[in-house]
Amino acid sequence: MSLLDDVAERDGWRCWVCDEPVDPDMSVNDPRGPSVDSRTADRKAKVAERLAHRGCNTRKGAVKVVIAWPDRLHVVDPAPLITVAGRLERKGGREMVARCPTEQDAQEAADWLVDRFSRLVPGLPVSATIEAGGGQFLVILAAGRR
């Protein structure tokens, strides 16, 4: 088995950048084809290589990677998820990542975050809580160390 196959199997054939499926039968030269990407320059990262579409990997070299929040979520002041992932991976703890107008909006964002972080930072136990405050609902991610 190749490094690409090993990394892809571990990542469930999903691109770490855009979170979309990667087709294992697509040419590695096609923008939607598979490639192995160094997720971060941080030498302390627990997972050095990640699966990415060739196009996502190439674009990442030209601009700073941003993990997009889905348009369907109603959030205010969403945190940059790559930065949050790095801090939680290094230090654990809690981070406020968004404000939402309703508790239902906050719950939808919390559910999405826990699911997304399970692929963004595999092996890092992440949970989300919602706290009411100031007429809004805060979404807080918490991570423990393994």
N, C-alpha and C. Protein backbone atom coordinates (compact mmCIF):
# COMPACT_ATOMS: atom_id res chain seq x y z
N MET A 1 0.84 -1.18 0.00
CA MET A 1 0.00 0.00 0.00
C MET A 1 0.89 1.25 0.00
N SER A 2 0.51 2.27 -0.74
CA SER A 2 1.29 3.50 -0.84
C SER A 2 0.93 4.46 0.30
N LEU A 3 1.75 5.49 0.45
CA LEU A 3 1.46 6.53 1.45
C LEU A 3 0.11 7.15 1.16
N LEU A 4 -0.18 7.43 -0.12
CA LEU A 4 -1.47 8.01 -0.49
C LEU A 4 -2.61 7.11 -0.01
N ASP A 5 -2.53 5.82 -0.27
CA ASP A 5 -3.59 4.90 0.15
C ASP A 5 -3.72 4.86 1.67
N ASP A 6 -2.59 4.82 2.37
CA ASP A 6 -2.62 4.79 3.84
C ASP A 6 -3.30 6.04 4.40
N VAL A 7 -2.89 7.20 3.91
CA VAL A 7 -3.44 8.47 4.39
C VAL A 7 -4.93 8.56 4.03
N ALA A 8 -5.26 8.18 2.79
CA ALA A 8 -6.65 8.26 2.33
C ALA A 8 -7.57 7.36 3.14
N GLU A 9 -7.12 6.15 3.41
CA GLU A 9 -7.93 5.22 4.21
C GLU A 9 -8.16 5.79 5.62
N ARG A 10 -7.10 6.31 6.22
CA ARG A 10 -7.22 6.88 7.56
C ARG A 10 -8.19 8.06 7.57
N ASP A 11 -8.16 8.89 6.51
CA ASP A 11 -9.01 10.08 6.43
C ASP A 11 -10.37 9.80 5.80
N GLY A 12 -10.66 8.53 5.52
CA GLY A 12 -11.97 8.17 4.98
C GLY A 12 -12.25 8.74 3.60
N TRP A 13 -11.18 8.94 2.81
CA TRP A 13 -11.30 9.47 1.45
C TRP A 13 -12.08 10.79 1.42
N ARG A 14 -11.81 11.67 2.41
CA ARG A 14 -12.40 13.02 2.45
C ARG A 14 -11.26 14.03 2.48
N CYS A 15 -11.43 15.11 1.74
CA CYS A 15 -10.44 16.18 1.70
C CYS A 15 -10.49 16.95 3.02
N TRP A 16 -9.34 17.13 3.64
CA TRP A 16 -9.32 17.83 4.92
C TRP A 16 -9.62 19.32 4.76
N VAL A 17 -9.37 19.87 3.56
CA VAL A 17 -9.58 21.30 3.35
C VAL A 17 -11.05 21.62 3.13
N CYS A 18 -11.68 20.95 2.14
CA CYS A 18 -13.06 21.28 1.79
C CYS A 18 -14.08 20.31 2.37
N ASP A 19 -13.63 19.21 2.96
CA ASP A 19 -14.48 18.21 3.60
C ASP A 19 -15.38 17.48 2.61
N GLU A 20 -15.04 17.50 1.33
CA GLU A 20 -15.79 16.78 0.30
C GLU A 20 -15.11 15.45 0.01
N PRO A 21 -15.87 14.46 -0.50
CA PRO A 21 -15.27 13.17 -0.84
C PRO A 21 -14.19 13.30 -1.92
N VAL A 22 -13.18 12.45 -1.83
CA VAL A 22 -12.13 12.36 -2.84
C VAL A 22 -12.31 11.03 -3.55
N ASP A 23 -12.37 11.06 -4.87
CA ASP A 23 -12.57 9.86 -5.67
C ASP A 23 -11.24 9.12 -5.82
N PRO A 24 -11.14 7.90 -5.29
CA PRO A 24 -9.88 7.16 -5.38
C PRO A 24 -9.51 6.78 -6.81
N ASP A 25 -10.48 6.78 -7.72
CA ASP A 25 -10.21 6.41 -9.11
C ASP A 25 -9.86 7.60 -9.99
N MET A 26 -9.93 8.81 -9.45
CA MET A 26 -9.61 10.01 -10.22
C MET A 26 -8.09 10.10 -10.35
N SER A 27 -7.62 10.61 -11.47
CA SER A 27 -6.19 10.78 -11.70
C SER A 27 -5.61 11.74 -10.66
N VAL A 28 -4.40 11.45 -10.20
CA VAL A 28 -3.75 12.34 -9.23
C VAL A 28 -3.37 13.67 -9.88
N ASN A 29 -3.46 13.76 -11.20
CA ASN A 29 -3.16 15.01 -11.90
C ASN A 29 -4.40 15.87 -12.10
N ASP A 30 -5.58 15.33 -11.83
CA ASP A 30 -6.84 16.07 -11.95
C ASP A 30 -7.03 16.92 -10.69
N PRO A 31 -7.57 18.14 -10.82
CA PRO A 31 -7.79 18.98 -9.64
C PRO A 31 -8.66 18.31 -8.55
N ARG A 32 -9.56 17.39 -8.93
CA ARG A 32 -10.40 16.70 -7.95
C ARG A 32 -9.79 15.36 -7.53
N GLY A 33 -8.59 15.06 -8.05
CA GLY A 33 -7.91 13.81 -7.72
C GLY A 33 -7.25 13.88 -6.35
N PRO A 34 -6.84 12.71 -5.83
CA PRO A 34 -6.25 12.65 -4.49
C PRO A 34 -4.80 13.10 -4.45
N SER A 35 -4.42 13.70 -3.33
CA SER A 35 -3.02 14.05 -3.07
C SER A 35 -2.79 14.01 -1.56
N VAL A 36 -1.53 13.81 -1.20
CA VAL A 36 -1.14 13.85 0.21
C VAL A 36 -0.63 15.24 0.50
N ASP A 37 -1.15 15.84 1.55
CA ASP A 37 -0.81 17.21 1.91
C ASP A 37 -0.24 17.24 3.31
N SER A 38 0.76 18.07 3.51
CA SER A 38 1.23 18.34 4.86
C SER A 38 0.28 19.36 5.45
N ARG A 39 -0.55 18.94 6.40
CA ARG A 39 -1.64 19.78 6.93
C ARG A 39 -1.12 21.06 7.55
N THR A 40 0.04 20.99 8.15
CA THR A 40 0.53 22.15 8.88
C THR A 40 2.05 22.14 8.91
N ALA A 41 2.63 23.29 9.05
CA ALA A 41 4.08 23.39 9.19
C ALA A 41 4.49 23.14 10.64
N ASP A 42 3.53 23.03 11.53
CA ASP A 42 3.79 22.81 12.95
C ASP A 42 4.34 21.39 13.14
N ARG A 43 5.60 21.29 13.51
CA ARG A 43 6.24 19.99 13.67
C ARG A 43 5.67 19.20 14.85
N LYS A 44 4.91 19.86 15.73
CA LYS A 44 4.33 19.17 16.88
C LYS A 44 2.97 18.56 16.56
N ALA A 45 2.46 18.81 15.36
CA ALA A 45 1.14 18.28 14.98
C ALA A 45 1.14 16.76 15.07
N LYS A 46 0.05 16.21 15.59
CA LYS A 46 -0.05 14.77 15.76
C LYS A 46 -0.23 14.05 14.43
N VAL A 47 -0.84 14.69 13.45
CA VAL A 47 -1.06 14.11 12.13
C VAL A 47 -0.37 15.01 11.11
N ALA A 48 0.76 14.55 10.56
CA ALA A 48 1.54 15.40 9.66
C ALA A 48 0.96 15.43 8.25
N GLU A 49 0.52 14.29 7.74
CA GLU A 49 -0.03 14.24 6.38
C GLU A 49 -1.52 14.05 6.41
N ARG A 50 -2.20 14.71 5.46
CA ARG A 50 -3.65 14.59 5.34
C ARG A 50 -4.00 14.42 3.87
N LEU A 51 -5.18 13.88 3.60
CA LEU A 51 -5.67 13.73 2.24
C LEU A 51 -6.32 15.03 1.79
N ALA A 52 -6.01 15.44 0.56
CA ALA A 52 -6.63 16.63 -0.02
C ALA A 52 -6.83 16.41 -1.51
N HIS A 53 -7.83 17.09 -2.07
CA HIS A 53 -7.93 17.13 -3.52
C HIS A 53 -6.67 17.81 -4.05
N ARG A 54 -6.21 17.44 -5.21
CA ARG A 54 -5.02 18.08 -5.81
C ARG A 54 -5.25 19.59 -5.89
N GLY A 55 -6.44 20.02 -6.32
CA GLY A 55 -6.73 21.45 -6.45
C GLY A 55 -6.73 22.17 -5.11
N CYS A 56 -7.29 21.55 -4.08
CA CYS A 56 -7.29 22.17 -2.74
C CYS A 56 -5.87 22.29 -2.23
N ASN A 57 -5.07 21.27 -2.46
CA ASN A 57 -3.68 21.25 -2.01
C ASN A 57 -2.89 22.34 -2.73
N THR A 58 -3.06 22.46 -4.04
CA THR A 58 -2.33 23.47 -4.82
C THR A 58 -2.75 24.87 -4.41
N ARG A 59 -4.06 25.09 -4.28
CA ARG A 59 -4.57 26.41 -3.89
C ARG A 59 -4.09 26.78 -2.49
N LYS A 60 -3.99 25.79 -1.62
CA LYS A 60 -3.53 26.02 -0.25
C LYS A 60 -2.13 26.61 -0.23
N GLY A 61 -1.30 26.24 -1.21
CA GLY A 61 0.06 26.77 -1.28
C GLY A 61 0.09 28.25 -1.62
N ALA A 62 -0.95 28.73 -2.29
CA ALA A 62 -0.98 30.12 -2.73
C ALA A 62 -1.67 31.04 -1.73
N VAL A 63 -2.60 30.52 -0.96
CA VAL A 63 -3.35 31.32 0.00
C VAL A 63 -3.46 30.54 1.31
N LYS A 64 -3.66 31.28 2.38
CA LYS A 64 -3.85 30.62 3.68
C LYS A 64 -5.16 29.83 3.67
N VAL A 65 -5.09 28.60 4.18
CA VAL A 65 -6.27 27.74 4.21
C VAL A 65 -7.30 28.29 5.18
N VAL A 66 -8.54 28.33 4.71
CA VAL A 66 -9.67 28.73 5.55
C VAL A 66 -10.71 27.63 5.47
N ILE A 67 -11.09 27.08 6.59
CA ILE A 67 -12.18 26.11 6.63
C ILE A 67 -13.46 26.91 6.70
N ALA A 68 -14.25 26.80 5.65
CA ALA A 68 -15.47 27.60 5.56
C ALA A 68 -16.57 27.07 6.48
N TRP A 69 -17.28 27.98 7.10
CA TRP A 69 -18.49 27.64 7.83
C TRP A 69 -19.61 27.55 6.81
N PRO A 70 -20.48 26.55 6.89
CA PRO A 70 -21.57 26.44 5.91
C PRO A 70 -22.51 27.64 5.96
N ASP A 71 -22.98 28.06 4.79
CA ASP A 71 -23.90 29.20 4.71
C ASP A 71 -25.21 28.93 5.45
N ARG A 72 -25.57 27.65 5.60
CA ARG A 72 -26.85 27.31 6.24
C ARG A 72 -26.83 27.59 7.75
N LEU A 73 -25.65 27.75 8.33
CA LEU A 73 -25.55 28.03 9.77
C LEU A 73 -25.66 29.53 10.00
N HIS A 74 -26.43 29.90 11.03
CA HIS A 74 -26.60 31.31 11.39
C HIS A 74 -25.66 31.62 12.55
N VAL A 75 -24.46 32.11 12.21
CA VAL A 75 -23.46 32.41 13.22
C VAL A 75 -22.95 33.84 13.03
N VAL A 76 -22.55 34.45 14.14
CA VAL A 76 -21.97 35.77 14.14
C VAL A 76 -20.55 35.63 14.68
N ASP A 77 -19.63 36.34 14.09
CA ASP A 77 -18.22 36.29 14.51
C ASP A 77 -17.68 34.87 14.58
N PRO A 78 -17.80 34.08 13.49
CA PRO A 78 -17.27 32.72 13.54
C PRO A 78 -15.74 32.74 13.64
N ALA A 79 -15.21 31.89 14.47
CA ALA A 79 -13.77 31.80 14.66
C ALA A 79 -13.11 31.11 13.47
N PRO A 80 -11.84 31.45 13.18
CA PRO A 80 -11.11 30.74 12.13
C PRO A 80 -10.77 29.33 12.62
N LEU A 81 -11.35 28.33 12.00
CA LEU A 81 -11.29 26.97 12.53
C LEU A 81 -9.90 26.34 12.50
N ILE A 82 -9.07 26.69 11.54
CA ILE A 82 -7.70 26.15 11.52
C ILE A 82 -6.95 26.64 12.76
N THR A 83 -7.12 27.90 13.10
CA THR A 83 -6.46 28.46 14.28
C THR A 83 -6.98 27.79 15.55
N VAL A 84 -8.30 27.63 15.64
CA VAL A 84 -8.90 26.99 16.81
C VAL A 84 -8.40 25.54 16.92
N ALA A 85 -8.38 24.83 15.80
CA ALA A 85 -7.92 23.43 15.80
C ALA A 85 -6.48 23.34 16.31
N GLY A 86 -5.64 24.23 15.85
CA GLY A 86 -4.24 24.21 16.28
C GLY A 86 -4.09 24.44 17.77
N ARG A 87 -4.82 25.42 18.30
CA ARG A 87 -4.73 25.71 19.74
C ARG A 87 -5.28 24.56 20.57
N LEU A 88 -6.45 24.03 20.17
CA LEU A 88 -7.04 22.93 20.95
C LEU A 88 -6.16 21.68 20.88
N GLU A 89 -5.54 21.45 19.74
CA GLU A 89 -4.66 20.28 19.59
C GLU A 89 -3.42 20.42 20.47
N ARG A 90 -2.87 21.62 20.55
CA ARG A 90 -1.66 21.84 21.36
C ARG A 90 -1.95 21.92 22.85
N LYS A 91 -3.03 22.63 23.22
CA LYS A 91 -3.24 22.96 24.63
C LYS A 91 -4.46 22.32 25.26
N GLY A 92 -5.41 21.84 24.46
CA GLY A 92 -6.67 21.38 25.03
C GLY A 92 -7.47 22.60 25.48
N GLY A 93 -8.34 22.42 26.44
CA GLY A 93 -9.10 23.55 26.98
C GLY A 93 -10.38 23.83 26.24
N ARG A 94 -10.83 25.10 26.35
CA ARG A 94 -12.11 25.54 25.77
C ARG A 94 -11.89 26.79 24.95
N GLU A 95 -12.70 26.94 23.88
CA GLU A 95 -12.68 28.16 23.08
C GLU A 95 -14.08 28.51 22.63
N MET A 96 -14.43 29.78 22.77
CA MET A 96 -15.69 30.27 22.23
C MET A 96 -15.46 30.45 20.74
N VAL A 97 -16.31 29.82 19.91
CA VAL A 97 -16.07 29.84 18.47
C VAL A 97 -17.12 30.59 17.66
N ALA A 98 -18.29 30.87 18.24
CA ALA A 98 -19.31 31.61 17.50
C ALA A 98 -20.41 32.08 18.44
N ARG A 99 -21.14 33.08 17.96
CA ARG A 99 -22.35 33.54 18.63
C ARG A 99 -23.51 33.27 17.69
N CYS A 100 -24.65 32.89 18.24
CA CYS A 100 -25.82 32.59 17.42
C CYS A 100 -27.04 33.31 17.99
N PRO A 101 -27.99 33.68 17.12
CA PRO A 101 -29.17 34.41 17.59
C PRO A 101 -30.16 33.55 18.36
N THR A 102 -30.23 32.25 18.06
CA THR A 102 -31.18 31.39 18.76
C THR A 102 -30.46 30.14 19.28
N GLU A 103 -31.08 29.49 20.23
CA GLU A 103 -30.49 28.26 20.77
C GLU A 103 -30.46 27.16 19.70
N GLN A 104 -31.49 27.11 18.86
CA GLN A 104 -31.52 26.12 17.79
C GLN A 104 -30.36 26.35 16.81
N ASP A 105 -30.11 27.61 16.46
CA ASP A 105 -28.97 27.92 15.58
C ASP A 105 -27.66 27.48 16.23
N ALA A 106 -27.54 27.73 17.53
CA ALA A 106 -26.33 27.34 18.25
C ALA A 106 -26.17 25.83 18.27
N GLN A 107 -27.26 25.10 18.45
CA GLN A 107 -27.18 23.64 18.48
C GLN A 107 -26.76 23.09 17.11
N GLU A 108 -27.31 23.67 16.04
CA GLU A 108 -26.93 23.24 14.69
C GLU A 108 -25.44 23.50 14.44
N ALA A 109 -24.96 24.66 14.87
CA ALA A 109 -23.53 24.97 14.71
C ALA A 109 -22.68 24.03 15.56
N ALA A 110 -23.10 23.76 16.78
CA ALA A 110 -22.36 22.86 17.67
C ALA A 110 -22.26 21.45 17.07
N ASP A 111 -23.38 20.96 16.55
CA ASP A 111 -23.38 19.62 15.95
C ASP A 111 -22.45 19.57 14.74
N TRP A 112 -22.50 20.60 13.91
CA TRP A 112 -21.63 20.64 12.73
C TRP A 112 -20.16 20.69 13.15
N LEU A 113 -19.84 21.51 14.15
CA LEU A 113 -18.45 21.64 14.60
C LEU A 113 -17.88 20.32 15.12
N VAL A 114 -18.64 19.61 15.93
CA VAL A 114 -18.15 18.34 16.47
C VAL A 114 -17.89 17.35 15.32
N ASP A 115 -18.82 17.29 14.37
CA ASP A 115 -18.65 16.41 13.22
C ASP A 115 -17.44 16.84 12.39
N ARG A 116 -17.31 18.13 12.10
CA ARG A 116 -16.21 18.64 11.25
C ARG A 116 -14.87 18.44 11.93
N PHE A 117 -14.78 18.67 13.23
CA PHE A 117 -13.51 18.51 13.94
C PHE A 117 -13.10 17.05 14.03
N SER A 118 -14.07 16.12 13.96
CA SER A 118 -13.71 14.70 13.98
C SER A 118 -12.88 14.33 12.76
N ARG A 119 -13.03 15.07 11.67
CA ARG A 119 -12.22 14.84 10.47
C ARG A 119 -11.07 15.82 10.37
N LEU A 120 -11.25 17.03 10.87
CA LEU A 120 -10.20 18.04 10.79
C LEU A 120 -9.02 17.68 11.69
N VAL A 121 -9.33 17.22 12.89
CA VAL A 121 -8.28 16.85 13.86
C VAL A 121 -8.62 15.45 14.39
N PRO A 122 -8.38 14.41 13.58
CA PRO A 122 -8.72 13.06 14.02
C PRO A 122 -8.00 12.71 15.32
N GLY A 123 -8.69 12.02 16.19
CA GLY A 123 -8.07 11.59 17.44
C GLY A 123 -8.14 12.61 18.56
N LEU A 124 -8.61 13.82 18.28
CA LEU A 124 -8.75 14.83 19.32
C LEU A 124 -10.20 14.82 19.79
N PRO A 125 -10.44 14.44 21.04
CA PRO A 125 -11.82 14.42 21.53
C PRO A 125 -12.34 15.85 21.70
N VAL A 126 -13.36 16.19 20.93
CA VAL A 126 -13.93 17.54 20.95
C VAL A 126 -15.42 17.46 21.28
N SER A 127 -15.86 18.33 22.16
CA SER A 127 -17.28 18.43 22.46
C SER A 127 -17.67 19.90 22.37
N ALA A 128 -18.96 20.14 22.21
CA ALA A 128 -19.46 21.51 22.10
C ALA A 128 -20.53 21.74 23.15
N THR A 129 -20.51 22.93 23.73
CA THR A 129 -21.56 23.33 24.66
C THR A 129 -22.11 24.67 24.20
N ILE A 130 -23.30 24.97 24.70
CA ILE A 130 -23.97 26.22 24.36
C ILE A 130 -24.26 26.95 25.67
N GLU A 131 -23.89 28.22 25.70
CA GLU A 131 -24.15 29.03 26.89
C GLU A 131 -24.92 30.27 26.47
N ALA A 132 -25.99 30.56 27.20
CA ALA A 132 -26.78 31.76 26.94
C ALA A 132 -26.09 32.94 27.59
N GLY A 133 -26.16 34.08 26.91
CA GLY A 133 -25.56 35.28 27.48
C GLY A 133 -25.80 36.49 26.61
N GLY A 134 -26.26 37.57 27.21
CA GLY A 134 -26.44 38.82 26.49
C GLY A 134 -27.44 38.75 25.35
N GLY A 135 -28.47 37.92 25.48
CA GLY A 135 -29.48 37.82 24.44
C GLY A 135 -29.05 37.00 23.23
N GLN A 136 -27.97 36.26 23.38
CA GLN A 136 -27.49 35.40 22.31
C GLN A 136 -27.00 34.08 22.90
N PHE A 137 -26.56 33.19 22.05
CA PHE A 137 -26.09 31.89 22.50
C PHE A 137 -24.67 31.68 21.99
N LEU A 138 -23.78 31.37 22.92
CA LEU A 138 -22.38 31.17 22.59
C LEU A 138 -22.11 29.68 22.37
N VAL A 139 -21.36 29.38 21.31
CA VAL A 139 -20.96 28.00 21.02
C VAL A 139 -19.51 27.87 21.47
N ILE A 140 -19.27 26.91 22.35
CA ILE A 140 -17.94 26.72 22.92
C ILE A 140 -17.47 25.30 22.63
N LEU A 141 -16.26 25.20 22.08
CA LEU A 141 -15.65 23.89 21.85
C LEU A 141 -14.70 23.60 22.99
N ALA A 142 -14.70 22.36 23.40
CA ALA A 142 -13.77 21.91 24.44
C ALA A 142 -13.04 20.67 23.93
N ALA A 143 -11.78 20.60 24.23
CA ALA A 143 -10.98 19.45 23.79
C ALA A 143 -10.15 18.93 24.95
N GLY A 144 -10.08 17.63 25.00
CA GLY A 144 -9.21 17.00 25.99
C GLY A 144 -8.02 16.42 25.29
N ARG A 145 -7.01 16.10 26.04
CA ARG A 145 -5.81 15.48 25.47
C ARG A 145 -5.91 13.98 25.60
N ARG A 146 -5.26 13.30 24.66
CA ARG A 146 -5.19 11.84 24.74
C ARG A 146 -3.82 11.41 25.05
